[in-house]
Amino acid sequence: TVVNAYLPKGVVLVALLWWVWFRPERAEAPGDESVRRHNRE
C-alpha cells in the first residue's frame, strides 16, 4: 500500500515544500523579507 499510494510518499514532501514557502517569520524581525526570499529560493 505504501509503495502503490501517493499520500505516504510524495504528497507529504510536497506539503512540506508548501510549508517552507509560506513559513511565517516574525514581522518585526530584521531581514525578514530576505529570509522569506531565501526560503522560497
PDB file of all heavy atoms in Angstrom:
ATOM      1  N   THR A   1       0.828  -1.201   0.000  1.00  0.00           N
ATOM      2  CA  THR A   1       0.000   0.000   0.000  1.00  0.00           C
ATOM      3  C   THR A   1       0.862   1.250   0.000  1.00  0.00           C
ATOM      4  O   THR A   1       0.581   2.219  -0.721  1.00  0.00           O
ATOM      5  CB  THR A   1      -0.935   0.005   1.228  1.00  0.00           C
ATOM      6  OG1 THR A   1      -1.753  -1.172   1.201  1.00  0.00           O
ATOM      7  CG2 THR A   1      -1.813   1.241   1.237  1.00  0.00           C
ATOM      8  N   VAL A   2       1.919   1.247   0.802  1.00  0.00           N
ATOM      9  CA  VAL A   2       2.827   2.393   0.857  1.00  0.00           C
ATOM     10  C   VAL A   2       3.498   2.612  -0.490  1.00  0.00           C
ATOM     11  O   VAL A   2       3.617   3.751  -0.970  1.00  0.00           O
ATOM     12  CB  VAL A   2       3.878   2.187   1.963  1.00  0.00           C
ATOM     13  CG1 VAL A   2       4.967   3.259   1.886  1.00  0.00           C
ATOM     14  CG2 VAL A   2       3.222   2.200   3.340  1.00  0.00           C
ATOM     15  N   VAL A   3       3.930   1.539  -1.136  1.00  0.00           N
ATOM     16  CA  VAL A   3       4.611   1.657  -2.428  1.00  0.00           C
ATOM     17  C   VAL A   3       3.661   2.142  -3.512  1.00  0.00           C
ATOM     18  O   VAL A   3       4.037   2.949  -4.372  1.00  0.00           O
ATOM     19  CB  VAL A   3       5.247   0.307  -2.818  1.00  0.00           C
ATOM     20  CG1 VAL A   3       5.709   0.322  -4.272  1.00  0.00           C
ATOM     21  CG2 VAL A   3       6.433  -0.001  -1.908  1.00  0.00           C
ATOM     22  N   ASN A   4       2.422   1.659  -3.485  1.00  0.00           N
ATOM     23  CA  ASN A   4       1.476   1.988  -4.551  1.00  0.00           C
ATOM     24  C   ASN A   4       0.766   3.318  -4.355  1.00  0.00           C
ATOM     25  O   ASN A   4       0.262   3.900  -5.314  1.00  0.00           O
ATOM     26  CB  ASN A   4       0.419   0.883  -4.675  1.00  0.00           C
ATOM     27  CG  ASN A   4       0.996  -0.408  -5.221  1.00  0.00           C
ATOM     28  OD1 ASN A   4       1.930  -0.384  -6.023  1.00  0.00           O
ATOM     29  ND2 ASN A   4       0.445  -1.539  -4.802  1.00  0.00           N
ATOM     30  N   ALA A   5       0.705   3.805  -3.116  1.00  0.00           N
ATOM     31  CA  ALA A   5      -0.048   5.026  -2.834  1.00  0.00           C
ATOM     32  C   ALA A   5       0.841   6.257  -2.952  1.00  0.00           C
ATOM     33  O   ALA A   5       2.065   6.183  -2.825  1.00  0.00           O
ATOM     34  CB  ALA A   5      -0.652   4.950  -1.433  1.00  0.00           C
ATOM     35  N   TYR A   6       0.214   7.398  -3.205  1.00  0.00           N
ATOM     36  CA  TYR A   6       0.957   8.657  -3.307  1.00  0.00           C
ATOM     37  C   TYR A   6       1.020   9.408  -1.990  1.00  0.00           C
ATOM     38  O   TYR A   6       1.985  10.113  -1.716  1.00  0.00           O
ATOM     39  CB  TYR A   6       0.323   9.558  -4.372  1.00  0.00           C
ATOM     40  CG  TYR A   6       0.406   8.997  -5.764  1.00  0.00           C
ATOM     41  CD1 TYR A   6      -0.739   8.776  -6.518  1.00  0.00           C
ATOM     42  CD2 TYR A   6       1.633   8.674  -6.329  1.00  0.00           C
ATOM     43  CE1 TYR A   6      -0.661   8.256  -7.807  1.00  0.00           C
ATOM     44  CE2 TYR A   6       1.721   8.152  -7.605  1.00  0.00           C
ATOM     45  CZ  TYR A   6       0.569   7.945  -8.342  1.00  0.00           C
ATOM     46  OH  TYR A   6       0.657   7.427  -9.607  1.00  0.00           O
ATOM     47  N   LEU A   7      -0.015   9.268  -1.151  1.00  0.00           N
ATOM     48  CA  LEU A   7      -0.075  10.043   0.088  1.00  0.00           C
ATOM     49  C   LEU A   7       1.124   9.804   1.001  1.00  0.00           C
ATOM     50  O   LEU A   7       1.724  10.765   1.489  1.00  0.00           O
ATOM     51  CB  LEU A   7      -1.386   9.742   0.826  1.00  0.00           C
ATOM     52  CG  LEU A   7      -1.591  10.511   2.134  1.00  0.00           C
ATOM     53  CD1 LEU A   7      -1.590  12.012   1.873  1.00  0.00           C
ATOM     54  CD2 LEU A   7      -2.897  10.087   2.803  1.00  0.00           C
ATOM     55  N   PRO A   8       1.518   8.545   1.278  1.00  0.00           N
ATOM     56  CA  PRO A   8       2.666   8.354   2.181  1.00  0.00           C
ATOM     57  C   PRO A   8       4.021   8.601   1.512  1.00  0.00           C
ATOM     58  O   PRO A   8       5.042   8.485   2.171  1.00  0.00           O
ATOM     59  CB  PRO A   8       2.528   6.880   2.593  1.00  0.00           C
ATOM     60  CG  PRO A   8       1.836   6.237   1.452  1.00  0.00           C
ATOM     61  CD  PRO A   8       0.901   7.265   0.894  1.00  0.00           C
ATOM     62  N   LYS A   9       4.014   8.945   0.246  1.00  0.00           N
ATOM     63  CA  LYS A   9       5.277   9.188  -0.447  1.00  0.00           C
ATOM     64  C   LYS A   9       5.402  10.677  -0.771  1.00  0.00           C
ATOM     65  O   LYS A   9       5.747  11.488   0.073  1.00  0.00           O
ATOM     66  CB  LYS A   9       5.352   8.335  -1.722  1.00  0.00           C
ATOM     67  CG  LYS A   9       5.379   6.841  -1.451  1.00  0.00           C
ATOM     68  CD  LYS A   9       5.687   6.053  -2.717  1.00  0.00           C
ATOM     69  CE  LYS A   9       4.628   6.229  -3.774  1.00  0.00           C
ATOM     70  NZ  LYS A   9       4.838   5.368  -4.962  1.00  0.00           N
ATOM     71  N   GLY A  10       5.108  11.037  -2.006  1.00  0.00           N
ATOM     72  CA  GLY A  10       5.377  12.396  -2.447  1.00  0.00           C
ATOM     73  C   GLY A  10       4.481  13.459  -1.880  1.00  0.00           C
ATOM     74  O   GLY A  10       4.909  14.604  -1.709  1.00  0.00           O
ATOM     75  N   VAL A  11       3.232  13.127  -1.560  1.00  0.00           N
ATOM     76  CA  VAL A  11       2.294  14.150  -1.096  1.00  0.00           C
ATOM     77  C   VAL A  11       2.805  14.825   0.172  1.00  0.00           C
ATOM     78  O   VAL A  11       2.739  16.052   0.316  1.00  0.00           O
ATOM     79  CB  VAL A  11       0.893  13.547  -0.877  1.00  0.00           C
ATOM     80  CG1 VAL A  11      -0.042  14.567  -0.215  1.00  0.00           C
ATOM     81  CG2 VAL A  11       0.300  13.071  -2.196  1.00  0.00           C
ATOM     82  N   VAL A  12       3.337  14.051   1.081  1.00  0.00           N
ATOM     83  CA  VAL A  12       3.841  14.605   2.347  1.00  0.00           C
ATOM     84  C   VAL A  12       4.993  15.572   2.091  1.00  0.00           C
ATOM     85  O   VAL A  12       5.031  16.676   2.647  1.00  0.00           O
ATOM     86  CB  VAL A  12       4.282  13.475   3.299  1.00  0.00           C
ATOM     87  CG1 VAL A  12       4.982  14.053   4.527  1.00  0.00           C
ATOM     88  CG2 VAL A  12       3.088  12.631   3.716  1.00  0.00           C
ATOM     89  N   LEU A  13       5.921  15.182   1.246  1.00  0.00           N
ATOM     90  CA  LEU A  13       7.083  16.034   0.988  1.00  0.00           C
ATOM     91  C   LEU A  13       6.703  17.286   0.202  1.00  0.00           C
ATOM     92  O   LEU A  13       7.258  18.368   0.425  1.00  0.00           O
ATOM     93  CB  LEU A  13       8.160  15.242   0.260  1.00  0.00           C
ATOM     94  CG  LEU A  13       8.749  14.079   1.062  1.00  0.00           C
ATOM     95  CD1 LEU A  13       9.850  13.377   0.282  1.00  0.00           C
ATOM     96  CD2 LEU A  13       9.283  14.550   2.409  1.00  0.00           C
ATOM     97  N   VAL A  14       5.745  17.156  -0.714  1.00  0.00           N
ATOM     98  CA  VAL A  14       5.260  18.345  -1.425  1.00  0.00           C
ATOM     99  C   VAL A  14       4.568  19.296  -0.447  1.00  0.00           C
ATOM    100  O   VAL A  14       4.728  20.529  -0.536  1.00  0.00           O
ATOM    101  CB  VAL A  14       4.310  17.940  -2.569  1.00  0.00           C
ATOM    102  CG1 VAL A  14       3.600  19.162  -3.149  1.00  0.00           C
ATOM    103  CG2 VAL A  14       5.092  17.236  -3.677  1.00  0.00           C
ATOM    104  N   ALA A  15       3.814  18.747   0.505  1.00  0.00           N
ATOM    105  CA  ALA A  15       3.179  19.589   1.527  1.00  0.00           C
ATOM    106  C   ALA A  15       4.232  20.333   2.343  1.00  0.00           C
ATOM    107  O   ALA A  15       4.044  21.511   2.701  1.00  0.00           O
ATOM    108  CB  ALA A  15       2.302  18.735   2.437  1.00  0.00           C
ATOM    109  N   LEU A  16       5.355  19.682   2.634  1.00  0.00           N
ATOM    110  CA  LEU A  16       6.426  20.355   3.374  1.00  0.00           C
ATOM    111  C   LEU A  16       7.056  21.472   2.551  1.00  0.00           C
ATOM    112  O   LEU A  16       7.485  22.500   3.100  1.00  0.00           O
ATOM    113  CB  LEU A  16       7.493  19.335   3.793  1.00  0.00           C
ATOM    114  CG  LEU A  16       7.057  18.324   4.859  1.00  0.00           C
ATOM    115  CD1 LEU A  16       8.193  17.352   5.172  1.00  0.00           C
ATOM    116  CD2 LEU A  16       6.599  19.030   6.125  1.00  0.00           C
ATOM    117  N   LEU A  17       7.119  21.301   1.234  1.00  0.00           N
ATOM    118  CA  LEU A  17       7.603  22.391   0.372  1.00  0.00           C
ATOM    119  C   LEU A  17       6.690  23.609   0.485  1.00  0.00           C
ATOM    120  O   LEU A  17       7.162  24.753   0.560  1.00  0.00           O
ATOM    121  CB  LEU A  17       7.685  21.936  -1.078  1.00  0.00           C
ATOM    122  CG  LEU A  17       8.805  20.968  -1.445  1.00  0.00           C
ATOM    123  CD1 LEU A  17       8.670  20.535  -2.901  1.00  0.00           C
ATOM    124  CD2 LEU A  17      10.183  21.604  -1.222  1.00  0.00           C
ATOM    125  N   TRP A  18       5.374  23.369   0.496  1.00  0.00           N
ATOM    126  CA  TRP A  18       4.440  24.476   0.655  1.00  0.00           C
ATOM    127  C   TRP A  18       4.596  25.119   2.028  1.00  0.00           C
ATOM    128  O   TRP A  18       4.467  26.336   2.171  1.00  0.00           O
ATOM    129  CB  TRP A  18       3.002  23.983   0.454  1.00  0.00           C
ATOM    130  CG  TRP A  18       2.641  23.815  -0.989  1.00  0.00           C
ATOM    131  CD1 TRP A  18       2.692  22.672  -1.725  1.00  0.00           C
ATOM    132  CD2 TRP A  18       2.179  24.839  -1.881  1.00  0.00           C
ATOM    133  NE1 TRP A  18       2.293  22.912  -3.016  1.00  0.00           N
ATOM    134  CE2 TRP A  18       1.965  24.227  -3.136  1.00  0.00           C
ATOM    135  CE3 TRP A  18       1.914  26.199  -1.736  1.00  0.00           C
ATOM    136  CZ2 TRP A  18       1.516  24.943  -4.252  1.00  0.00           C
ATOM    137  CZ3 TRP A  18       1.451  26.910  -2.848  1.00  0.00           C
ATOM    138  CH2 TRP A  18       1.260  26.283  -4.075  1.00  0.00           C
ATOM    139  N   TRP A  19       4.878  24.307   3.045  1.00  0.00           N
ATOM    140  CA  TRP A  19       5.100  24.865   4.384  1.00  0.00           C
ATOM    141  C   TRP A  19       6.313  25.794   4.379  1.00  0.00           C
ATOM    142  O   TRP A  19       6.268  26.882   4.956  1.00  0.00           O
ATOM    143  CB  TRP A  19       5.315  23.730   5.383  1.00  0.00           C
ATOM    144  CG  TRP A  19       5.676  24.230   6.762  1.00  0.00           C
ATOM    145  CD1 TRP A  19       4.826  24.695   7.718  1.00  0.00           C
ATOM    146  CD2 TRP A  19       6.999  24.347   7.304  1.00  0.00           C
ATOM    147  NE1 TRP A  19       5.536  25.091   8.839  1.00  0.00           N
ATOM    148  CE2 TRP A  19       6.867  24.885   8.611  1.00  0.00           C
ATOM    149  CE3 TRP A  19       8.271  24.043   6.826  1.00  0.00           C
ATOM    150  CZ2 TRP A  19       7.963  25.128   9.429  1.00  0.00           C
ATOM    151  CZ3 TRP A  19       9.373  24.288   7.642  1.00  0.00           C
ATOM    152  CH2 TRP A  19       9.212  24.821   8.930  1.00  0.00           C
ATOM    153  N   VAL A  20       7.392  25.364   3.725  1.00  0.00           N
ATOM    154  CA  VAL A  20       8.578  26.220   3.643  1.00  0.00           C
ATOM    155  C   VAL A  20       8.248  27.501   2.888  1.00  0.00           C
ATOM    156  O   VAL A  20       8.663  28.600   3.288  1.00  0.00           O
ATOM    157  CB  VAL A  20       9.741  25.468   2.954  1.00  0.00           C
ATOM    158  CG1 VAL A  20      10.919  26.417   2.728  1.00  0.00           C
ATOM    159  CG2 VAL A  20      10.180  24.274   3.788  1.00  0.00           C
ATOM    160  N   TRP A  21       7.476  27.384   1.803  1.00  0.00           N
ATOM    161  CA  TRP A  21       7.139  28.568   1.001  1.00  0.00           C
ATOM    162  C   TRP A  21       6.367  29.601   1.821  1.00  0.00           C
ATOM    163  O   TRP A  21       6.642  30.804   1.750  1.00  0.00           O
ATOM    164  CB  TRP A  21       6.323  28.140  -0.211  1.00  0.00           C
ATOM    165  CG  TRP A  21       5.970  29.273  -1.141  1.00  0.00           C
ATOM    166  CD1 TRP A  21       4.869  30.079  -1.085  1.00  0.00           C
ATOM    167  CD2 TRP A  21       6.735  29.728  -2.272  1.00  0.00           C
ATOM    168  NE1 TRP A  21       4.891  30.997  -2.100  1.00  0.00           N
ATOM    169  CE2 TRP A  21       6.021  30.804  -2.850  1.00  0.00           C
ATOM    170  CE3 TRP A  21       7.933  29.304  -2.858  1.00  0.00           C
ATOM    171  CZ2 TRP A  21       6.484  31.482  -3.986  1.00  0.00           C
ATOM    172  CZ3 TRP A  21       8.389  29.983  -3.985  1.00  0.00           C
ATOM    173  CH2 TRP A  21       7.670  31.050  -4.538  1.00  0.00           C
ATOM    174  N   PHE A  22       5.390  29.155   2.620  1.00  0.00           N
ATOM    175  CA  PHE A  22       4.550  30.058   3.401  1.00  0.00           C
ATOM    176  C   PHE A  22       4.991  30.143   4.861  1.00  0.00           C
ATOM    177  O   PHE A  22       4.244  30.667   5.693  1.00  0.00           O
ATOM    178  CB  PHE A  22       3.089  29.605   3.342  1.00  0.00           C
ATOM    179  CG  PHE A  22       2.449  29.834   2.008  1.00  0.00           C
ATOM    180  CD1 PHE A  22       2.166  28.762   1.175  1.00  0.00           C
ATOM    181  CD2 PHE A  22       2.142  31.108   1.579  1.00  0.00           C
ATOM    182  CE1 PHE A  22       1.573  28.970  -0.065  1.00  0.00           C
ATOM    183  CE2 PHE A  22       1.542  31.333   0.342  1.00  0.00           C
ATOM    184  CZ  PHE A  22       1.259  30.256  -0.481  1.00  0.00           C
ATOM    185  N   ARG A  23       6.169  29.641   5.154  1.00  0.00           N
ATOM    186  CA  ARG A  23       6.663  29.608   6.532  1.00  0.00           C
ATOM    187  C   ARG A  23       6.619  31.006   7.149  1.00  0.00           C
ATOM    188  O   ARG A  23       7.213  31.949   6.629  1.00  0.00           O
ATOM    189  CB  ARG A  23       8.099  29.082   6.542  1.00  0.00           C
ATOM    190  CG  ARG A  23       8.710  28.936   7.920  1.00  0.00           C
ATOM    191  CD  ARG A  23      10.136  28.430   7.788  1.00  0.00           C
ATOM    192  NE  ARG A  23      10.778  28.260   9.071  1.00  0.00           N
ATOM    193  CZ  ARG A  23      12.044  27.887   9.223  1.00  0.00           C
ATOM    194  NH1 ARG A  23      12.794  27.649   8.143  1.00  0.00           N
ATOM    195  NH2 ARG A  23      12.567  27.748  10.421  1.00  0.00           N
ATOM    196  N   PRO A  24       5.896  31.166   8.256  1.00  0.00           N
ATOM    197  CA  PRO A  24       5.775  32.502   8.849  1.00  0.00           C
ATOM    198  C   PRO A  24       7.072  32.938   9.521  1.00  0.00           C
ATOM    199  O   PRO A  24       7.770  32.148  10.140  1.00  0.00           O
ATOM    200  CB  PRO A  24       4.650  32.325   9.877  1.00  0.00           C
ATOM    201  CG  PRO A  24       4.739  30.876  10.264  1.00  0.00           C
ATOM    202  CD  PRO A  24       5.165  30.139   9.020  1.00  0.00           C
ATOM    203  N   GLU A  25       7.382  34.197   9.348  1.00  0.00           N
ATOM    204  CA  GLU A  25       8.513  34.806  10.041  1.00  0.00           C
ATOM    205  C   GLU A  25       7.978  35.916  10.939  1.00  0.00           C
ATOM    206  O   GLU A  25       6.903  36.480  10.681  1.00  0.00           O
ATOM    207  CB  GLU A  25       9.518  35.388   9.031  1.00  0.00           C
ATOM    208  CG  GLU A  25      10.036  34.386   8.013  1.00  0.00           C
ATOM    209  CD  GLU A  25      10.915  33.311   8.629  1.00  0.00           C
ATOM    210  OE1 GLU A  25      11.409  33.525   9.749  1.00  0.00           O
ATOM    211  OE2 GLU A  25      11.098  32.272   7.981  1.00  0.00           O
ATOM    212  N   ARG A  26       8.707  36.237  11.960  1.00  0.00           N
ATOM    213  CA  ARG A  26       8.282  37.315  12.846  1.00  0.00           C
ATOM    214  C   ARG A  26       8.298  38.641  12.087  1.00  0.00           C
ATOM    215  O   ARG A  26       9.320  39.032  11.517  1.00  0.00           O
ATOM    216  CB  ARG A  26       9.188  37.400  14.060  1.00  0.00           C
ATOM    217  CG  ARG A  26       9.044  36.221  15.020  1.00  0.00           C
ATOM    218  CD  ARG A  26       9.999  36.347  16.179  1.00  0.00           C
ATOM    219  NE  ARG A  26      11.388  36.385  15.704  1.00  0.00           N
ATOM    220  CZ  ARG A  26      12.419  36.721  16.468  1.00  0.00           C
ATOM    221  NH1 ARG A  26      12.215  37.055  17.730  1.00  0.00           N
ATOM    222  NH2 ARG A  26      13.641  36.720  15.977  1.00  0.00           N
ATOM    223  N   ALA A  27       7.177  39.315  12.083  1.00  0.00           N
ATOM    224  CA  ALA A  27       7.065  40.543  11.293  1.00  0.00           C
ATOM    225  C   ALA A  27       8.080  41.598  11.713  1.00  0.00           C
ATOM    226  O   ALA A  27       8.526  42.412  10.912  1.00  0.00           O
ATOM    227  CB  ALA A  27       5.640  41.107  11.411  1.00  0.00           C
ATOM    228  N   GLU A  28       8.427  41.607  13.014  1.00  0.00           N
ATOM    229  CA  GLU A  28       9.332  42.646  13.496  1.00  0.00           C
ATOM    230  C   GLU A  28      10.801  42.258  13.345  1.00  0.00           C
ATOM    231  O   GLU A  28      11.678  43.065  13.651  1.00  0.00           O
ATOM    232  CB  GLU A  28       9.032  42.942  14.978  1.00  0.00           C
ATOM    233  CG  GLU A  28       9.427  41.812  15.954  1.00  0.00           C
ATOM    234  CD  GLU A  28       8.376  40.728  16.044  1.00  0.00           C
ATOM    235  OE1 GLU A  28       7.422  40.794  15.255  1.00  0.00           O
ATOM    236  OE2 GLU A  28       8.507  39.851  16.919  1.00  0.00           O
ATOM    237  N   ALA A  29      11.065  41.028  12.902  1.00  0.00           N
ATOM    238  CA  ALA A  29      12.454  40.573  12.816  1.00  0.00           C
ATOM    239  C   ALA A  29      13.180  41.300  11.689  1.00  0.00           C
ATOM    240  O   ALA A  29      12.641  41.447  10.588  1.00  0.00           O
ATOM    241  CB  ALA A  29      12.504  39.070  12.575  1.00  0.00           C
ATOM    242  N   PRO A  30      14.402  41.777  11.941  1.00  0.00           N
ATOM    243  CA  PRO A  30      15.164  42.416  10.872  1.00  0.00           C
ATOM    244  C   PRO A  30      15.553  41.401   9.807  1.00  0.00           C
ATOM    245  O   PRO A  30      15.862  40.258  10.099  1.00  0.00           O
ATOM    246  CB  PRO A  30      16.410  42.944  11.607  1.00  0.00           C
ATOM    247  CG  PRO A  30      16.538  42.082  12.828  1.00  0.00           C
ATOM    248  CD  PRO A  30      15.129  41.745  13.218  1.00  0.00           C
ATOM    249  N   GLY A  31      15.518  41.840   8.572  1.00  0.00           N
ATOM    250  CA  GLY A  31      15.879  40.941   7.486  1.00  0.00           C
ATOM    251  C   GLY A  31      14.835  39.897   7.188  1.00  0.00           C
ATOM    252  O   GLY A  31      15.128  38.884   6.553  1.00  0.00           O
ATOM    253  N   ASP A  32      13.596  40.144   7.656  1.00  0.00           N
ATOM    254  CA  ASP A  32      12.536  39.151   7.486  1.00  0.00           C
ATOM    255  C   ASP A  32      12.296  38.834   6.011  1.00  0.00           C
ATOM    256  O   ASP A  32      12.143  37.675   5.642  1.00  0.00           O
ATOM    257  CB  ASP A  32      11.246  39.673   8.121  1.00  0.00           C
ATOM    258  CG  ASP A  32      10.063  38.764   7.857  1.00  0.00           C
ATOM    259  OD1 ASP A  32      10.070  37.647   8.391  1.00  0.00           O
ATOM    260  OD2 ASP A  32       9.152  39.178   7.115  1.00  0.00           O
ATOM    261  N   GLU A  33      12.262  39.864   5.166  1.00  0.00           N
ATOM    262  CA  GLU A  33      11.971  39.657   3.758  1.00  0.00           C
ATOM    263  C   GLU A  33      13.073  38.860   3.072  1.00  0.00           C
ATOM    264  O   GLU A  33      12.803  38.023   2.210  1.00  0.00           O
ATOM    265  CB  GLU A  33      11.783  41.003   3.045  1.00  0.00           C
ATOM    266  CG  GLU A  33      11.263  40.872   1.623  1.00  0.00           C
ATOM    267  CD  GLU A  33       9.947  40.114   1.551  1.00  0.00           C
ATOM    268  OE1 GLU A  33       9.098  40.291   2.454  1.00  0.00           O
ATOM    269  OE2 GLU A  33       9.773  39.329   0.589  1.00  0.00           O
ATOM    270  N   SER A  34      14.318  39.097   3.456  1.00  0.00           N
ATOM    271  CA  SER A  34      15.425  38.343   2.850  1.00  0.00           C
ATOM    272  C   SER A  34      15.379  36.873   3.273  1.00  0.00           C
ATOM    273  O   SER A  34      15.711  35.982   2.477  1.00  0.00           O
ATOM    274  CB  SER A  34      16.767  38.967   3.239  1.00  0.00           C
ATOM    275  OG  SER A  34      16.978  38.880   4.641  1.00  0.00           O
ATOM    276  N   VAL A  35      14.958  36.614   4.518  1.00  0.00           N
ATOM    277  CA  VAL A  35      14.816  35.231   4.981  1.00  0.00           C
ATOM    278  C   VAL A  35      13.714  34.529   4.196  1.00  0.00           C
ATOM    279  O   VAL A  35      13.869  33.384   3.759  1.00  0.00           O
ATOM    280  CB  VAL A  35      14.518  35.185   6.493  1.00  0.00           C
ATOM    281  CG1 VAL A  35      14.183  33.768   6.939  1.00  0.00           C
ATOM    282  CG2 VAL A  35      15.710  35.709   7.287  1.00  0.00           C
ATOM    283  N   ARG A  36      12.596  35.224   4.008  1.00  0.00           N
ATOM    284  CA  ARG A  36      11.479  34.641   3.255  1.00  0.00           C
ATOM    285  C   ARG A  36      11.898  34.362   1.810  1.00  0.00           C
ATOM    286  O   ARG A  36      11.574  33.299   1.265  1.00  0.00           O
ATOM    287  CB  ARG A  36      10.276  35.577   3.294  1.00  0.00           C
ATOM    288  CG  ARG A  36       9.067  35.037   2.523  1.00  0.00           C
ATOM    289  CD  ARG A  36       7.859  35.937   2.642  1.00  0.00           C
ATOM    290  NE  ARG A  36       7.324  35.949   4.003  1.00  0.00           N
ATOM    291  CZ  ARG A  36       7.446  36.956   4.851  1.00  0.00           C
ATOM    292  NH1 ARG A  36       8.089  38.056   4.497  1.00  0.00           N
ATOM    293  NH2 ARG A  36       6.933  36.886   6.066  1.00  0.00           N
ATOM    294  N   ARG A  37      12.617  35.288   1.212  1.00  0.00           N
ATOM    295  CA  ARG A  37      13.069  35.090  -0.166  1.00  0.00           C
ATOM    296  C   ARG A  37      14.030  33.907  -0.248  1.00  0.00           C
ATOM    297  O   ARG A  37      13.963  33.095  -1.166  1.00  0.00           O
ATOM    298  CB  ARG A  37      13.733  36.348  -0.709  1.00  0.00           C
ATOM    299  CG  ARG A  37      14.192  36.195  -2.161  1.00  0.00           C
ATOM    300  CD  ARG A  37      14.813  37.453  -2.719  1.00  0.00           C
ATOM    301  NE  ARG A  37      15.228  37.236  -4.097  1.00  0.00           N
ATOM    302  CZ  ARG A  37      14.447  37.386  -5.163  1.00  0.00           C
ATOM    303  NH1 ARG A  37      13.184  37.755  -4.997  1.00  0.00           N
ATOM    304  NH2 ARG A  37      14.908  37.158  -6.377  1.00  0.00           N
ATOM    305  N   HIS A  38      14.932  33.816   0.743  1.00  0.00           N
ATOM    306  CA  HIS A  38      15.884  32.698   0.767  1.00  0.00           C
ATOM    307  C   HIS A  38      15.153  31.361   0.859  1.00  0.00           C
ATOM    308  O   HIS A  38      15.494  30.415   0.130  1.00  0.00           O
ATOM    309  CB  HIS A  38      16.825  32.860   1.957  1.00  0.00           C
ATOM    310  CG  HIS A  38      17.817  31.741   2.101  1.00  0.00           C
ATOM    311  ND1 HIS A  38      18.913  31.602   1.289  1.00  0.00           N
ATOM    312  CD2 HIS A  38      17.854  30.691   2.973  1.00  0.00           C
ATOM    313  CE1 HIS A  38      19.594  30.527   1.645  1.00  0.00           C
ATOM    314  NE2 HIS A  38      18.977  29.959   2.659  1.00  0.00           N
ATOM    315  N   ASN A  39      14.149  31.284   1.721  1.00  0.00           N
ATOM    316  CA  ASN A  39      13.376  30.043   1.856  1.00  0.00           C
ATOM    317  C   ASN A  39      12.674  29.690   0.550  1.00  0.00           C
ATOM    318  O   ASN A  39      12.640  28.516   0.147  1.00  0.00           O
ATOM    319  CB  ASN A  39      12.350  30.181   2.975  1.00  0.00           C
ATOM    320  CG  ASN A  39      12.982  30.130   4.354  1.00  0.00           C
ATOM    321  OD1 ASN A  39      14.092  29.620   4.523  1.00  0.00           O
ATOM    322  ND2 ASN A  39      12.277  30.658   5.342  1.00  0.00           N
ATOM    323  N   ARG A  40      12.121  30.697  -0.105  1.00  0.00           N
ATOM    324  CA  ARG A  40      11.410  30.431  -1.351  1.00  0.00           C
ATOM    325  C   ARG A  40      12.375  30.051  -2.472  1.00  0.00           C
ATOM    326  O   ARG A  40      12.020  29.242  -3.344  1.00  0.00           O
ATOM    327  CB  ARG A  40      10.546  31.638  -1.729  1.00  0.00           C
ATOM    328  CG  ARG A  40       9.412  31.840  -0.732  1.00  0.00           C
ATOM    329  CD  ARG A  40       8.430  32.929  -1.125  1.00  0.00           C
ATOM    330  NE  ARG A  40       7.280  32.905  -0.221  1.00  0.00           N
ATOM    331  CZ  ARG A  40       6.204  33.656  -0.358  1.00  0.00           C
ATOM    332  NH1 ARG A  40       6.109  34.526  -1.368  1.00  0.00           N
ATOM    333  NH2 ARG A  40       5.203  33.560   0.500  1.00  0.00           N
ATOM    334  N   GLU A  41      13.553  30.618  -2.452  1.00  0.00           N
ATOM    335  CA  GLU A  41      14.572  30.183  -3.411  1.00  0.00           C
ATOM    336  C   GLU A  41      14.891  28.702  -3.208  1.00  0.00           C
ATOM    337  O   GLU A  41      15.071  27.961  -4.184  1.00  0.00           O
ATOM    338  CB  GLU A  41      15.843  31.018  -3.240  1.00  0.00           C
ATOM    339  CG  GLU A  41      15.748  32.430  -3.780  1.00  0.00           C
ATOM    340  CD  GLU A  41      17.013  33.236  -3.550  1.00  0.00           C
ATOM    341  OE1 GLU A  41      17.896  32.749  -2.802  1.00  0.00           O
ATOM    342  OE2 GLU A  41      17.122  34.341  -4.100  1.00  0.00           O
TER     343      GLU A  41
END
